């Protein structure tokens, strides 16, 4: 059986309204959920997960906007299903 290679996504995370600029570049596998991405950002910034978070996405095909994260009421079910 041939092993397939997973895609890797690279993100540059920049804090807004901060001088000097603070940013991190991270790479994560395509199999990561949004919860995994949240944890990777927390780790890269050396944060302790004290605040709510939210990802805002737009489907390029439909233009429909979607928000994922806390304060989403059912965040565990969403994080468990959605991948990057």
PDB file of N, CA and C in Angstrom:
ATOM      1  N   UNK A   1       0.844  -1.179   0.000  1.00  0.00           N
ATOM      2  CA  UNK A   1       0.000   0.000   0.000  1.00  0.00           C
ATOM      3  C   UNK A   1       0.890   1.244   0.000  1.00  0.00           C
ATOM      4  N   UNK A   2       0.603   2.149  -0.887  1.00  0.00           N
ATOM      5  CA  UNK A   2       1.383   3.380  -1.000  1.00  0.00           C
ATOM      6  C   UNK A   2       0.908   4.401   0.024  1.00  0.00           C
ATOM      7  N   UNK A   3       1.861   4.957   0.739  1.00  0.00           N
ATOM      8  CA  UNK A   3       1.541   5.998   1.723  1.00  0.00           C
ATOM      9  C   UNK A   3       1.336   7.328   1.000  1.00  0.00           C
ATOM     10  N   UNK A   4       0.252   8.015   1.336  1.00  0.00           N
ATOM     11  CA  UNK A   4       0.007   9.331   0.746  1.00  0.00           C
ATOM     12  C   UNK A   4       0.535  10.415   1.673  1.00  0.00           C
ATOM     13  N   UNK A   5       1.085  11.442   1.074  1.00  0.00           N
ATOM     14  CA  UNK A   5       1.595  12.566   1.858  1.00  0.00           C
ATOM     15  C   UNK A   5       0.470  13.561   2.112  1.00  0.00           C
ATOM     16  N   UNK A   6       0.369  14.001   3.350  1.00  0.00           N
ATOM     17  CA  UNK A   6      -0.620  15.019   3.702  1.00  0.00           C
ATOM     18  C   UNK A   6      -0.085  16.397   3.357  1.00  0.00           C
ATOM     19  N   UNK A   7      -0.991  17.297   3.046  1.00  0.00           N
ATOM     20  CA  UNK A   7      -0.643  18.691   2.812  1.00  0.00           C
ATOM     21  C   UNK A   7      -0.260  19.348   4.134  1.00  0.00           C
ATOM     22  N   UNK A   8       0.554  20.369   4.044  1.00  0.00           N
ATOM     23  CA  UNK A   8       0.910  21.181   5.204  1.00  0.00           C
ATOM     24  C   UNK A   8       0.514  22.617   4.883  1.00  0.00           C
ATOM     25  N   UNK A   9      -0.165  23.252   5.828  1.00  0.00           N
ATOM     26  CA  UNK A   9      -0.548  24.655   5.676  1.00  0.00           C
ATOM     27  C   UNK A   9       0.383  25.518   6.510  1.00  0.00           C
ATOM     28  N   UNK A  10       0.787  26.645   5.940  1.00  0.00           N
ATOM     29  CA  UNK A  10       1.643  27.590   6.652  1.00  0.00           C
ATOM     30  C   UNK A  10       0.846  28.867   6.906  1.00  0.00           C
ATOM     31  N   UNK A  11       0.918  29.339   8.143  1.00  0.00           N
ATOM     32  CA  UNK A  11       0.203  30.552   8.544  1.00  0.00           C
ATOM     33  C   UNK A  11       1.181  31.550   9.134  1.00  0.00           C
ATOM     34  N   UNK A  12       0.954  32.815   8.851  1.00  0.00           N
ATOM     35  CA  UNK A  12       1.644  33.891   9.551  1.00  0.00           C
ATOM     36  C   UNK A  12       0.597  34.552  10.431  1.00  0.00           C
ATOM     37  N   UNK A  13       0.810  34.488  11.735  1.00  0.00           N
ATOM     38  CA  UNK A  13      -0.128  35.045  12.709  1.00  0.00           C
ATOM     39  C   UNK A  13       0.462  36.354  13.211  1.00  0.00           C
ATOM     40  N   UNK A  14      -0.263  37.456  13.012  1.00  0.00           N
ATOM     41  CA  UNK A  14       0.205  38.780  13.404  1.00  0.00           C
ATOM     42  C   UNK A  14      -0.798  39.415  14.356  1.00  0.00           C
ATOM     43  N   UNK A  15      -0.308  39.956  15.462  1.00  0.00           N
ATOM     44  CA  UNK A  15      -1.183  40.661  16.396  1.00  0.00           C
ATOM     45  C   UNK A  15      -1.487  42.044  15.836  1.00  0.00           C
ATOM     46  N   UNK A  16      -2.736  42.416  15.865  1.00  0.00           N
ATOM     47  CA  UNK A  16      -3.153  43.730  15.379  1.00  0.00           C
ATOM     48  C   UNK A  16      -2.903  44.797  16.437  1.00  0.00           C
ATOM     49  N   UNK A  17      -2.694  46.020  15.952  1.00  0.00           N
ATOM     50  CA  UNK A  17      -2.562  47.206  16.812  1.00  0.00           C
ATOM     51  C   UNK A  17      -1.484  47.042  17.895  1.00  0.00           C
ATOM     52  N   UNK A  18      -0.369  46.416  17.525  1.00  0.00           N
ATOM     53  CA  UNK A  18       0.741  46.231  18.465  1.00  0.00           C
ATOM     54  C   UNK A  18       2.014  46.729  17.788  1.00  0.00           C
ATOM     55  N   UNK A  19       2.759  47.543  18.489  1.00  0.00           N
ATOM     56  CA  UNK A  19       4.049  48.034  18.002  1.00  0.00           C
ATOM     57  C   UNK A  19       5.096  47.766  19.059  1.00  0.00           C
ATOM     58  N   UNK A  20       6.228  47.230  18.712  1.00  0.00           N
ATOM     59  CA  UNK A  20       6.594  46.734  17.395  1.00  0.00           C
ATOM     60  C   UNK A  20       5.751  45.513  17.025  1.00  0.00           C
ATOM     61  N   UNK A  21       5.711  45.170  15.733  1.00  0.00           N
ATOM     62  CA  UNK A  21       4.896  44.036  15.301  1.00  0.00           C
ATOM     63  C   UNK A  21       5.314  42.739  15.999  1.00  0.00           C
ATOM     64  N   UNK A  22       4.321  41.970  16.382  1.00  0.00           N
ATOM     65  CA  UNK A  22       4.554  40.647  16.970  1.00  0.00           C
ATOM     66  C   UNK A  22       3.877  39.640  16.054  1.00  0.00           C
ATOM     67  N   UNK A  23       4.649  38.667  15.567  1.00  0.00           N
ATOM     68  CA  UNK A  23       4.082  37.675  14.670  1.00  0.00           C
ATOM     69  C   UNK A  23       4.827  36.353  14.825  1.00  0.00           C
ATOM     70  N   UNK A  24       4.170  35.301  14.393  1.00  0.00           N
ATOM     71  CA  UNK A  24       4.762  33.965  14.376  1.00  0.00           C
ATOM     72  C   UNK A  24       4.350  33.293  13.068  1.00  0.00           C
ATOM     73  N   UNK A  25       5.221  32.438  12.570  1.00  0.00           N
ATOM     74  CA  UNK A  25       4.891  31.620  11.405  1.00  0.00           C
ATOM     75  C   UNK A  25       4.829  30.175  11.882  1.00  0.00           C
ATOM     76  N   UNK A  26       3.730  29.496  11.557  1.00  0.00           N
ATOM     77  CA  UNK A  26       3.576  28.102  11.964  1.00  0.00           C
ATOM     78  C   UNK A  26       3.181  27.265  10.750  1.00  0.00           C
ATOM     79  N   UNK A  27       3.493  25.987  10.819  1.00  0.00           N
ATOM     80  CA  UNK A  27       3.062  25.025   9.817  1.00  0.00           C
ATOM     81  C   UNK A  27       2.289  23.926  10.522  1.00  0.00           C
ATOM     82  N   UNK A  28       1.147  23.560   9.952  1.00  0.00           N
ATOM     83  CA  UNK A  28       0.307  22.519  10.549  1.00  0.00           C
ATOM     84  C   UNK A  28      -0.178  21.588   9.446  1.00  0.00           C
ATOM     85  N   UNK A  29      -0.399  20.320   9.780  1.00  0.00           N
ATOM     86  CA  UNK A  29      -0.901  19.381   8.770  1.00  0.00           C
ATOM     87  C   UNK A  29      -2.359  19.651   8.426  1.00  0.00           C
ATOM     88  N   UNK A  30      -2.762  19.264   7.225  1.00  0.00           N
ATOM     89  CA  UNK A  30      -4.144  19.482   6.787  1.00  0.00           C
ATOM     90  C   UNK A  30      -5.149  18.717   7.635  1.00  0.00           C
ATOM     91  N   UNK A  31      -4.691  17.747   8.371  1.00  0.00           N
ATOM     92  CA  UNK A  31      -5.586  16.943   9.207  1.00  0.00           C
ATOM     93  C   UNK A  31      -5.956  17.642  10.505  1.00  0.00           C
ATOM     94  N   UNK A  32      -5.327  18.780  10.804  1.00  0.00           N
ATOM     95  CA  UNK A  32      -5.643  19.514  12.034  1.00  0.00           C
ATOM     96  C   UNK A  32      -7.081  20.022  11.998  1.00  0.00           C
ATOM     97  N   UNK A  33      -7.730  19.967  13.138  1.00  0.00           N
ATOM     98  CA  UNK A  33      -9.031  20.609  13.304  1.00  0.00           C
ATOM     99  C   UNK A  33      -8.788  22.072  13.676  1.00  0.00           C
ATOM    100  N   UNK A  34      -9.852  22.846  13.729  1.00  0.00           N
ATOM    101  CA  UNK A  34      -9.692  24.235  14.165  1.00  0.00           C
ATOM    102  C   UNK A  34      -9.271  24.302  15.630  1.00  0.00           C
ATOM    103  N   UNK A  35      -9.672  23.329  16.420  1.00  0.00           N
ATOM    104  CA  UNK A  35      -9.203  23.266  17.811  1.00  0.00           C
ATOM    105  C   UNK A  35      -7.692  23.055  17.833  1.00  0.00           C
ATOM    106  N   UNK A  36      -7.181  22.139  16.997  1.00  0.00           N
ATOM    107  CA  UNK A  36      -5.741  21.903  16.911  1.00  0.00           C
ATOM    108  C   UNK A  36      -5.009  23.174  16.473  1.00  0.00           C
ATOM    109  N   UNK A  37      -5.576  23.894  15.505  1.00  0.00           N
ATOM    110  CA  UNK A  37      -4.969  25.154  15.062  1.00  0.00           C
ATOM    111  C   UNK A  37      -4.935  26.157  16.202  1.00  0.00           C
ATOM    112  N   UNK A  38      -6.018  26.252  16.940  1.00  0.00           N
ATOM    113  CA  UNK A  38      -6.067  27.141  18.107  1.00  0.00           C
ATOM    114  C   UNK A  38      -4.937  26.806  19.077  1.00  0.00           C
ATOM    115  N   UNK A  39      -4.758  25.525  19.369  1.00  0.00           N
ATOM    116  CA  UNK A  39      -3.707  25.098  20.306  1.00  0.00           C
ATOM    117  C   UNK A  39      -2.326  25.423  19.733  1.00  0.00           C
ATOM    118  N   UNK A  40      -2.125  25.221  18.437  1.00  0.00           N
ATOM    119  CA  UNK A  40      -0.837  25.533  17.814  1.00  0.00           C
ATOM    120  C   UNK A  40      -0.517  27.026  17.924  1.00  0.00           C
ATOM    121  N   UNK A  41      -1.524  27.875  17.729  1.00  0.00           N
ATOM    122  CA  UNK A  41      -1.326  29.323  17.872  1.00  0.00           C
ATOM    123  C   UNK A  41      -0.994  29.664  19.318  1.00  0.00           C
ATOM    124  N   UNK A  42      -1.713  29.080  20.257  1.00  0.00           N
ATOM    125  CA  UNK A  42      -1.439  29.305  21.679  1.00  0.00           C
ATOM    126  C   UNK A  42       0.009  28.931  22.004  1.00  0.00           C
ATOM    127  N   UNK A  43       0.446  27.778  21.514  1.00  0.00           N
ATOM    128  CA  UNK A  43       1.816  27.321  21.774  1.00  0.00           C
ATOM    129  C   UNK A  43       2.845  28.250  21.135  1.00  0.00           C
ATOM    130  N   UNK A  44       2.600  28.663  19.884  1.00  0.00           N
ATOM    131  CA  UNK A  44       3.551  29.523  19.178  1.00  0.00           C
ATOM    132  C   UNK A  44       3.713  30.871  19.863  1.00  0.00           C
ATOM    133  N   UNK A  45       2.636  31.393  20.423  1.00  0.00           N
ATOM    134  CA  UNK A  45       2.669  32.690  21.093  1.00  0.00           C
ATOM    135  C   UNK A  45       3.027  32.579  22.576  1.00  0.00           C
ATOM    136  N   UNK A  46       3.191  31.351  23.050  1.00  0.00           N
ATOM    137  CA  UNK A  46       3.482  31.094  24.468  1.00  0.00           C
ATOM    138  C   UNK A  46       2.377  31.652  25.360  1.00  0.00           C
ATOM    139  N   UNK A  47       1.137  31.482  24.900  1.00  0.00           N
ATOM    140  CA  UNK A  47      -0.033  31.903  25.660  1.00  0.00           C
ATOM    141  C   UNK A  47      -0.571  30.735  26.475  1.00  0.00           C
ATOM    142  N   UNK A  48      -1.428  31.045  27.446  1.00  0.00           N
ATOM    143  CA  UNK A  48      -1.949  30.023  28.360  1.00  0.00           C
ATOM    144  C   UNK A  48      -3.441  29.760  28.185  1.00  0.00           C
ATOM    145  N   UNK A  49      -4.024  30.135  27.063  1.00  0.00           N
ATOM    146  CA  UNK A  49      -5.422  29.821  26.741  1.00  0.00           C
ATOM    147  C   UNK A  49      -6.402  30.424  27.732  1.00  0.00           C
ATOM    148  N   UNK A  50      -6.198  31.697  28.079  1.00  0.00           N
ATOM    149  CA  UNK A  50      -7.068  32.384  29.036  1.00  0.00           C
ATOM    150  C   UNK A  50      -8.238  33.119  28.387  1.00  0.00           C
ATOM    151  N   UNK A  51      -8.244  33.250  27.063  1.00  0.00           N
ATOM    152  CA  UNK A  51      -9.246  34.090  26.408  1.00  0.00           C
ATOM    153  C   UNK A  51     -10.071  33.296  25.408  1.00  0.00           C
ATOM    154  N   UNK A  52     -11.251  33.832  25.101  1.00  0.00           N
ATOM    155  CA  UNK A  52     -12.079  33.259  24.057  1.00  0.00           C
ATOM    156  C   UNK A  52     -11.385  33.449  22.713  1.00  0.00           C
ATOM    157  N   UNK A  53     -11.740  32.623  21.766  1.00  0.00           N
ATOM    158  CA  UNK A  53     -11.151  32.751  20.436  1.00  0.00           C
ATOM    159  C   UNK A  53     -12.207  32.439  19.387  1.00  0.00           C
ATOM    160  N   UNK A  54     -11.927  32.884  18.170  1.00  0.00           N
ATOM    161  CA  UNK A  54     -12.892  32.669  17.097  1.00  0.00           C
ATOM    162  C   UNK A  54     -12.179  32.743  15.749  1.00  0.00           C
ATOM    163  N   UNK A  55     -12.511  31.835  14.854  1.00  0.00           N
ATOM    164  CA  UNK A  55     -12.035  31.858  13.481  1.00  0.00           C
ATOM    165  C   UNK A  55     -13.197  32.308  12.606  1.00  0.00           C
ATOM    166  N   UNK A  56     -12.948  33.263  11.725  1.00  0.00           N
ATOM    167  CA  UNK A  56     -13.976  33.748  10.802  1.00  0.00           C
ATOM    168  C   UNK A  56     -13.560  33.357   9.391  1.00  0.00           C
ATOM    169  N   UNK A  57     -14.434  32.620   8.708  1.00  0.00           N
ATOM    170  CA  UNK A  57     -14.119  32.073   7.396  1.00  0.00           C
ATOM    171  C   UNK A  57     -15.171  32.495   6.384  1.00  0.00           C
ATOM    172  N   UNK A  58     -14.768  32.576   5.127  1.00  0.00           N
ATOM    173  CA  UNK A  58     -15.703  32.829   4.036  1.00  0.00           C
ATOM    174  C   UNK A  58     -15.496  31.729   3.001  1.00  0.00           C
ATOM    175  N   UNK A  59     -16.573  31.033   2.657  1.00  0.00           N
ATOM    176  CA  UNK A  59     -16.515  30.023   1.617  1.00  0.00           C
ATOM    177  C   UNK A  59     -16.342  30.739   0.281  1.00  0.00           C
ATOM    178  N   UNK A  60     -15.217  30.506  -0.431  1.00  0.00           N
ATOM    179  CA  UNK A  60     -14.981  31.243  -1.672  1.00  0.00           C
ATOM    180  C   UNK A  60     -15.991  30.916  -2.772  1.00  0.00           C
ATOM    181  N   UNK A  61     -16.611  29.755  -2.705  1.00  0.00           N
ATOM    182  CA  UNK A  61     -17.585  29.368  -3.732  1.00  0.00           C
ATOM    183  C   UNK A  61     -18.941  30.026  -3.529  1.00  0.00           C
ATOM    184  N   UNK A  62     -19.346  30.149  -2.254  1.00  0.00           N
ATOM    185  CA  UNK A  62     -20.691  30.645  -1.960  1.00  0.00           C
ATOM    186  C   UNK A  62     -20.712  32.039  -1.353  1.00  0.00           C
ATOM    187  N   UNK A  63     -19.582  32.473  -0.794  1.00  0.00           N
ATOM    188  CA  UNK A  63     -19.541  33.758  -0.102  1.00  0.00           C
ATOM    189  C   UNK A  63     -20.151  33.701   1.285  1.00  0.00           C
ATOM    190  N   UNK A  64     -20.579  32.513   1.712  1.00  0.00           N
ATOM    191  CA  UNK A  64     -21.191  32.356   3.031  1.00  0.00           C
ATOM    192  C   UNK A  64     -20.117  32.454   4.112  1.00  0.00           C
ATOM    193  N   UNK A  65     -20.396  33.268   5.133  1.00  0.00           N
ATOM    194  CA  UNK A  65     -19.474  33.441   6.250  1.00  0.00           C
ATOM    195  C   UNK A  65     -19.790  32.440   7.349  1.00  0.00           C
ATOM    196  N   UNK A  66     -18.733  31.969   8.029  1.00  0.00           N
ATOM    197  CA  UNK A  66     -18.895  31.020   9.117  1.00  0.00           C
ATOM    198  C   UNK A  66     -17.939  31.414  10.238  1.00  0.00           C
ATOM    199  N   UNK A  67     -18.391  31.273  11.462  1.00  0.00           N
ATOM    200  CA  UNK A  67     -17.555  31.538  12.629  1.00  0.00           C
ATOM    201  C   UNK A  67     -17.417  30.245  13.415  1.00  0.00           C
ATOM    202  N   UNK A  68     -16.172  29.938  13.800  1.00  0.00           N
ATOM    203  CA  UNK A  68     -15.896  28.743  14.586  1.00  0.00           C
ATOM    204  C   UNK A  68     -15.069  29.159  15.783  1.00  0.00           C
ATOM    205  N   UNK A  69     -15.439  28.705  16.962  1.00  0.00           N
ATOM    206  CA  UNK A  69     -14.645  28.972  18.154  1.00  0.00           C
ATOM    207  C   UNK A  69     -15.506  29.245  19.352  1.00  0.00           C
ATOM    208  N   UNK A  70     -14.869  29.631  20.415  1.00  0.00           N
ATOM    209  CA  UNK A  70     -15.571  30.037  21.618  1.00  0.00           C
ATOM    210  C   UNK A  70     -15.823  31.531  21.431  1.00  0.00           C
ATOM    211  N   UNK A  71     -17.015  32.017  21.486  1.00  0.00           N
ATOM    212  CA  UNK A  71     -18.159  31.580  22.282  1.00  0.00           C
ATOM    213  C   UNK A  71     -19.185  30.705  21.577  1.00  0.00           C
ATOM    214  N   UNK A  72     -18.866  30.035  20.497  1.00  0.00           N
ATOM    215  CA  UNK A  72     -19.816  29.124  19.852  1.00  0.00           C
ATOM    216  C   UNK A  72     -20.326  28.117  20.873  1.00  0.00           C
ATOM    217  N   UNK A  73     -21.651  27.991  20.991  1.00  0.00           N
ATOM    218  CA  UNK A  73     -22.249  27.132  22.004  1.00  0.00           C
ATOM    219  C   UNK A  73     -21.868  25.669  21.857  1.00  0.00           C
ATOM    220  N   UNK A  74     -21.768  25.212  20.643  1.00  0.00           N
ATOM    221  CA  UNK A  74     -21.484  23.800  20.439  1.00  0.00           C
ATOM    222  C   UNK A  74     -20.076  23.611  19.895  1.00  0.00           C
ATOM    223  N   UNK A  75     -19.091  24.301  20.472  1.00  0.00           N
ATOM    224  CA  UNK A  75     -17.756  24.312  19.899  1.00  0.00           C
ATOM    225  C   UNK A  75     -17.106  22.947  19.855  1.00  0.00           C
ATOM    226  N   UNK A  76     -17.379  22.087  20.800  1.00  0.00           N
ATOM    227  CA  UNK A  76     -16.720  20.786  20.788  1.00  0.00           C
ATOM    228  C   UNK A  76     -17.155  19.954  19.591  1.00  0.00           C
ATOM    229  N   UNK A  77     -18.427  19.983  19.264  1.00  0.00           N
ATOM    230  CA  UNK A  77     -18.873  19.199  18.113  1.00  0.00           C
ATOM    231  C   UNK A  77     -18.317  19.781  16.816  1.00  0.00           C
ATOM    232  N   UNK A  78     -18.224  21.098  16.726  1.00  0.00           N
ATOM    233  CA  UNK A  78     -17.671  21.726  15.527  1.00  0.00           C
ATOM    234  C   UNK A  78     -16.189  21.434  15.414  1.00  0.00           C
ATOM    235  N   UNK A  79     -15.445  21.607  16.498  1.00  0.00           N
ATOM    236  CA  UNK A  79     -14.007  21.381  16.448  1.00  0.00           C
ATOM    237  C   UNK A  79     -13.687  19.933  16.136  1.00  0.00           C
ATOM    238  N   UNK A  80     -14.524  19.038  16.583  1.00  0.00           N
ATOM    239  CA  UNK A  80     -14.274  17.628  16.340  1.00  0.00           C
ATOM    240  C   UNK A  80     -14.487  17.216  14.895  1.00  0.00           C
ATOM    241  N   UNK A  81     -15.274  17.962  14.114  1.00  0.00           N
ATOM    242  CA  UNK A  81     -15.606  17.572  12.743  1.00  0.00           C
ATOM    243  C   UNK A  81     -14.851  18.355  11.682  1.00  0.00           C
ATOM    244  N   UNK A  82     -14.673  19.627  11.880  1.00  0.00           N
ATOM    245  CA  UNK A  82     -14.125  20.474  10.830  1.00  0.00           C
ATOM    246  C   UNK A  82     -12.603  20.404  10.810  1.00  0.00           C
ATOM    247  N   UNK A  83     -12.035  20.229   9.622  1.00  0.00           N
ATOM    248  CA  UNK A  83     -10.590  20.278   9.469  1.00  0.00           C
ATOM    249  C   UNK A  83     -10.224  21.486   8.630  1.00  0.00           C
ATOM    250  N   UNK A  84      -8.945  21.798   8.615  1.00  0.00           N
ATOM    251  CA  UNK A  84      -8.478  22.958   7.867  1.00  0.00           C
ATOM    252  C   UNK A  84      -8.640  22.711   6.394  1.00  0.00           C
TER     253      UNK A  84
END
